[in-house]
């Protein structure tokens, strides 16, 4: 069970990572994220930072590695398909890789979960991640 989405961004990996690693700022995603509510006092790069996206997705930052340019997060609750009543153990991972050939970036957004009661999690989440990555590409265009 899981999701897999990727894209090549016409910007250096350090610039792309600089934008993505800020867990509390998704202003680069104008078409998907209309609101980010910061929950608690943890900074955007501090493990345990929490956010609510679009008044619906409750997420927690689980890890952030500046060397590997990767972070993981959990979806703690959300709309029906990804609600805590339907899906257990949802973990998302975002990684930025440098493309040395032309100083661009490869961004990989994956997720997996332990179980789901009703199904449909991948079908629900994959289009969201695809749209987020398209917004990221547009942000750097």
C-alpha atoms as a PDB file:
ATOM      1  CA  UNK A   1       0.000   0.000   0.000  1.00  0.00           C
ATOM      2  CA  UNK A   2       1.365   3.367  -0.918  1.00  0.00           C
ATOM      3  CA  UNK A   3       1.678   6.353  -3.209  1.00  0.00           C
ATOM      4  CA  UNK A   4       4.509   7.339  -5.542  1.00  0.00           C
ATOM      5  CA  UNK A   5       4.853  10.695  -7.274  1.00  0.00           C
ATOM      6  CA  UNK A   6       7.901  12.410  -8.709  1.00  0.00           C
ATOM      7  CA  UNK A   7       8.896  15.389 -10.812  1.00  0.00           C
ATOM      8  CA  UNK A   8      11.962  17.170 -12.173  1.00  0.00           C
ATOM      9  CA  UNK A   9      12.173  20.824 -11.135  1.00  0.00           C
ATOM     10  CA  UNK A  10      14.188  23.366 -13.116  1.00  0.00           C
ATOM     11  CA  UNK A  11      16.028  24.672 -10.045  1.00  0.00           C
ATOM     12  CA  UNK A  12      18.998  23.556  -7.981  1.00  0.00           C
ATOM     13  CA  UNK A  13      18.357  21.027  -5.238  1.00  0.00           C
ATOM     14  CA  UNK A  14      19.370  23.460  -2.482  1.00  0.00           C
ATOM     15  CA  UNK A  15      16.773  26.003  -3.645  1.00  0.00           C
ATOM     16  CA  UNK A  16      14.050  23.346  -3.888  1.00  0.00           C
ATOM     17  CA  UNK A  17      14.976  21.874  -0.501  1.00  0.00           C
ATOM     18  CA  UNK A  18      15.006  25.370   0.994  1.00  0.00           C
ATOM     19  CA  UNK A  19      11.342  25.730   0.071  1.00  0.00           C
ATOM     20  CA  UNK A  20      10.141  22.207   0.882  1.00  0.00           C
ATOM     21  CA  UNK A  21      11.771  21.813   4.283  1.00  0.00           C
ATOM     22  CA  UNK A  22       9.614  24.568   5.790  1.00  0.00           C
ATOM     23  CA  UNK A  23       6.815  22.371   7.141  1.00  0.00           C
ATOM     24  CA  UNK A  24       4.630  25.369   7.999  1.00  0.00           C
ATOM     25  CA  UNK A  25       4.838  27.128   4.623  1.00  0.00           C
ATOM     26  CA  UNK A  26       3.071  25.772   1.574  1.00  0.00           C
ATOM     27  CA  UNK A  27       2.548  29.166  -0.057  1.00  0.00           C
ATOM     28  CA  UNK A  28       4.223  27.714  -3.155  1.00  0.00           C
ATOM     29  CA  UNK A  29       1.129  25.529  -3.690  1.00  0.00           C
ATOM     30  CA  UNK A  30      -1.518  28.026  -4.765  1.00  0.00           C
ATOM     31  CA  UNK A  31      -3.777  25.430  -6.426  1.00  0.00           C
ATOM     32  CA  UNK A  32      -3.895  22.842  -3.639  1.00  0.00           C
ATOM     33  CA  UNK A  33      -3.290  24.457  -0.267  1.00  0.00           C
ATOM     34  CA  UNK A  34      -5.480  27.423   0.583  1.00  0.00           C
ATOM     35  CA  UNK A  35      -4.799  27.503   4.330  1.00  0.00           C
ATOM     36  CA  UNK A  36      -2.109  26.305   6.732  1.00  0.00           C
ATOM     37  CA  UNK A  37      -2.858  26.485  10.448  1.00  0.00           C
ATOM     38  CA  UNK A  38       0.205  26.074  12.651  1.00  0.00           C
ATOM     39  CA  UNK A  39      -0.549  24.069  15.776  1.00  0.00           C
ATOM     40  CA  UNK A  40       1.626  24.453  18.865  1.00  0.00           C
ATOM     41  CA  UNK A  41       4.916  26.238  19.432  1.00  0.00           C
ATOM     42  CA  UNK A  42       7.372  24.044  17.510  1.00  0.00           C
ATOM     43  CA  UNK A  43       9.250  25.662  14.641  1.00  0.00           C
ATOM     44  CA  UNK A  44       8.688  24.557  11.049  1.00  0.00           C
ATOM     45  CA  UNK A  45      11.853  22.413  11.064  1.00  0.00           C
ATOM     46  CA  UNK A  46      11.433  20.953  14.547  1.00  0.00           C
ATOM     47  CA  UNK A  47      10.380  17.321  14.960  1.00  0.00           C
ATOM     48  CA  UNK A  48       6.821  17.267  16.257  1.00  0.00           C
ATOM     49  CA  UNK A  49       5.778  20.429  14.386  1.00  0.00           C
ATOM     50  CA  UNK A  50       2.077  20.238  13.571  1.00  0.00           C
ATOM     51  CA  UNK A  51      -0.105  21.763  10.904  1.00  0.00           C
ATOM     52  CA  UNK A  52      -3.653  21.584   9.589  1.00  0.00           C
ATOM     53  CA  UNK A  53      -4.014  21.991   5.817  1.00  0.00           C
ATOM     54  CA  UNK A  54      -7.217  23.414   4.343  1.00  0.00           C
ATOM     55  CA  UNK A  55      -9.033  22.900   7.674  1.00  0.00           C
ATOM     56  CA  UNK A  56      -8.944  19.165   6.935  1.00  0.00           C
ATOM     57  CA  UNK A  57      -5.552  17.392   7.061  1.00  0.00           C
ATOM     58  CA  UNK A  58      -3.879  17.158  10.473  1.00  0.00           C
ATOM     59  CA  UNK A  59      -0.176  16.386  10.008  1.00  0.00           C
ATOM     60  CA  UNK A  60       2.931  16.052  12.178  1.00  0.00           C
ATOM     61  CA  UNK A  61       6.581  16.378  11.143  1.00  0.00           C
ATOM     62  CA  UNK A  62       8.330  13.127  12.103  1.00  0.00           C
ATOM     63  CA  UNK A  63      11.838  13.661  10.746  1.00  0.00           C
ATOM     64  CA  UNK A  64      13.855  16.221   8.823  1.00  0.00           C
ATOM     65  CA  UNK A  65      17.327  15.539   7.426  1.00  0.00           C
ATOM     66  CA  UNK A  66      19.100  18.488   5.804  1.00  0.00           C
ATOM     67  CA  UNK A  67      21.981  16.306   4.591  1.00  0.00           C
ATOM     68  CA  UNK A  68      19.750  13.794   2.815  1.00  0.00           C
ATOM     69  CA  UNK A  69      17.224  16.531   1.944  1.00  0.00           C
ATOM     70  CA  UNK A  70      14.339  14.440   3.193  1.00  0.00           C
ATOM     71  CA  UNK A  71      11.473  14.800   5.638  1.00  0.00           C
ATOM     72  CA  UNK A  72       8.744  12.477   6.833  1.00  0.00           C
ATOM     73  CA  UNK A  73       5.360  13.334   8.273  1.00  0.00           C
ATOM     74  CA  UNK A  74       2.240  11.581   9.474  1.00  0.00           C
ATOM     75  CA  UNK A  75      -1.358  12.239   8.570  1.00  0.00           C
ATOM     76  CA  UNK A  76      -3.012  12.050  11.965  1.00  0.00           C
ATOM     77  CA  UNK A  77      -6.544  12.740  10.749  1.00  0.00           C
ATOM     78  CA  UNK A  78      -8.258  14.081   7.669  1.00  0.00           C
ATOM     79  CA  UNK A  79     -11.181  13.731   5.286  1.00  0.00           C
ATOM     80  CA  UNK A  80     -13.046  10.415   5.306  1.00  0.00           C
ATOM     81  CA  UNK A  81     -10.580   8.339   3.250  1.00  0.00           C
ATOM     82  CA  UNK A  82      -7.539   9.423   5.317  1.00  0.00           C
ATOM     83  CA  UNK A  83      -9.399   9.850   8.598  1.00  0.00           C
ATOM     84  CA  UNK A  84      -7.990   8.223  11.708  1.00  0.00           C
ATOM     85  CA  UNK A  85     -11.034   5.919  11.599  1.00  0.00           C
ATOM     86  CA  UNK A  86     -10.111   4.599   8.130  1.00  0.00           C
ATOM     87  CA  UNK A  87      -6.323   4.591   7.833  1.00  0.00           C
ATOM     88  CA  UNK A  88      -3.681   3.648  10.394  1.00  0.00           C
ATOM     89  CA  UNK A  89       0.008   4.524  10.331  1.00  0.00           C
ATOM     90  CA  UNK A  90       0.037   6.935   7.381  1.00  0.00           C
ATOM     91  CA  UNK A  91       3.578   8.191   6.714  1.00  0.00           C
ATOM     92  CA  UNK A  92       4.536  10.534   3.889  1.00  0.00           C
ATOM     93  CA  UNK A  93       8.106  11.130   2.728  1.00  0.00           C
ATOM     94  CA  UNK A  94       9.478  13.936   0.559  1.00  0.00           C
ATOM     95  CA  UNK A  95      13.035  13.754  -0.788  1.00  0.00           C
ATOM     96  CA  UNK A  96      14.965  16.109  -3.068  1.00  0.00           C
ATOM     97  CA  UNK A  97      17.765  14.673  -5.219  1.00  0.00           C
ATOM     98  CA  UNK A  98      20.214  16.740  -7.263  1.00  0.00           C
ATOM     99  CA  UNK A  99      20.316  16.046 -10.996  1.00  0.00           C
ATOM    100  CA  UNK A 100      23.966  16.756 -11.709  1.00  0.00           C
ATOM    101  CA  UNK A 101      23.623  16.720 -15.491  1.00  0.00           C
ATOM    102  CA  UNK A 102      21.892  20.093 -15.644  1.00  0.00           C
ATOM    103  CA  UNK A 103      21.661  21.448 -12.065  1.00  0.00           C
ATOM    104  CA  UNK A 104      17.989  20.577 -11.681  1.00  0.00           C
ATOM    105  CA  UNK A 105      16.205  18.626  -8.952  1.00  0.00           C
ATOM    106  CA  UNK A 106      14.301  15.373  -8.786  1.00  0.00           C
ATOM    107  CA  UNK A 107      11.596  15.444  -6.115  1.00  0.00           C
ATOM    108  CA  UNK A 108      10.117  12.185  -4.878  1.00  0.00           C
ATOM    109  CA  UNK A 109       6.913  12.190  -2.774  1.00  0.00           C
ATOM    110  CA  UNK A 110       5.887   8.809  -1.442  1.00  0.00           C
ATOM    111  CA  UNK A 111       3.632   7.511   1.281  1.00  0.00           C
ATOM    112  CA  UNK A 112       2.644   4.255   2.899  1.00  0.00           C
ATOM    113  CA  UNK A 113       0.324   3.132   5.675  1.00  0.00           C
ATOM    114  CA  UNK A 114      -0.223   0.077   7.820  1.00  0.00           C
ATOM    115  CA  UNK A 115      -3.903  -0.529   7.139  1.00  0.00           C
ATOM    116  CA  UNK A 116      -7.084   0.947   5.733  1.00  0.00           C
ATOM    117  CA  UNK A 117     -10.659  -0.134   6.446  1.00  0.00           C
ATOM    118  CA  UNK A 118     -12.537   1.122   3.372  1.00  0.00           C
ATOM    119  CA  UNK A 119      -9.763   1.406   0.792  1.00  0.00           C
ATOM    120  CA  UNK A 120      -9.285   4.248  -1.655  1.00  0.00           C
ATOM    121  CA  UNK A 121      -6.386   5.970   0.124  1.00  0.00           C
ATOM    122  CA  UNK A 122      -3.954   5.829  -2.825  1.00  0.00           C
ATOM    123  CA  UNK A 123      -6.677   6.874  -5.274  1.00  0.00           C
ATOM    124  CA  UNK A 124      -7.449   9.860  -3.052  1.00  0.00           C
ATOM    125  CA  UNK A 125      -3.858  10.909  -2.249  1.00  0.00           C
ATOM    126  CA  UNK A 126      -2.002  10.364  -5.542  1.00  0.00           C
ATOM    127  CA  UNK A 127      -3.832  13.171  -7.402  1.00  0.00           C
ATOM    128  CA  UNK A 128      -3.166  15.533  -4.478  1.00  0.00           C
ATOM    129  CA  UNK A 129       0.570  14.788  -4.502  1.00  0.00           C
ATOM    130  CA  UNK A 130       0.669  15.082  -8.279  1.00  0.00           C
ATOM    131  CA  UNK A 131      -0.979  18.523  -8.054  1.00  0.00           C
ATOM    132  CA  UNK A 132       1.373  19.614  -5.253  1.00  0.00           C
ATOM    133  CA  UNK A 133       4.390  18.693  -7.368  1.00  0.00           C
ATOM    134  CA  UNK A 134       2.950  20.532 -10.371  1.00  0.00           C
ATOM    135  CA  UNK A 135       2.559  23.628  -8.183  1.00  0.00           C
ATOM    136  CA  UNK A 136       6.152  23.240  -7.004  1.00  0.00           C
ATOM    137  CA  UNK A 137       7.364  23.065 -10.585  1.00  0.00           C
ATOM    138  CA  UNK A 138       5.355  26.177 -11.478  1.00  0.00           C
ATOM    139  CA  UNK A 139       6.755  28.000  -8.444  1.00  0.00           C
ATOM    140  CA  UNK A 140      10.282  27.592  -9.834  1.00  0.00           C
ATOM    141  CA  UNK A 141       9.324  28.385 -13.457  1.00  0.00           C
END
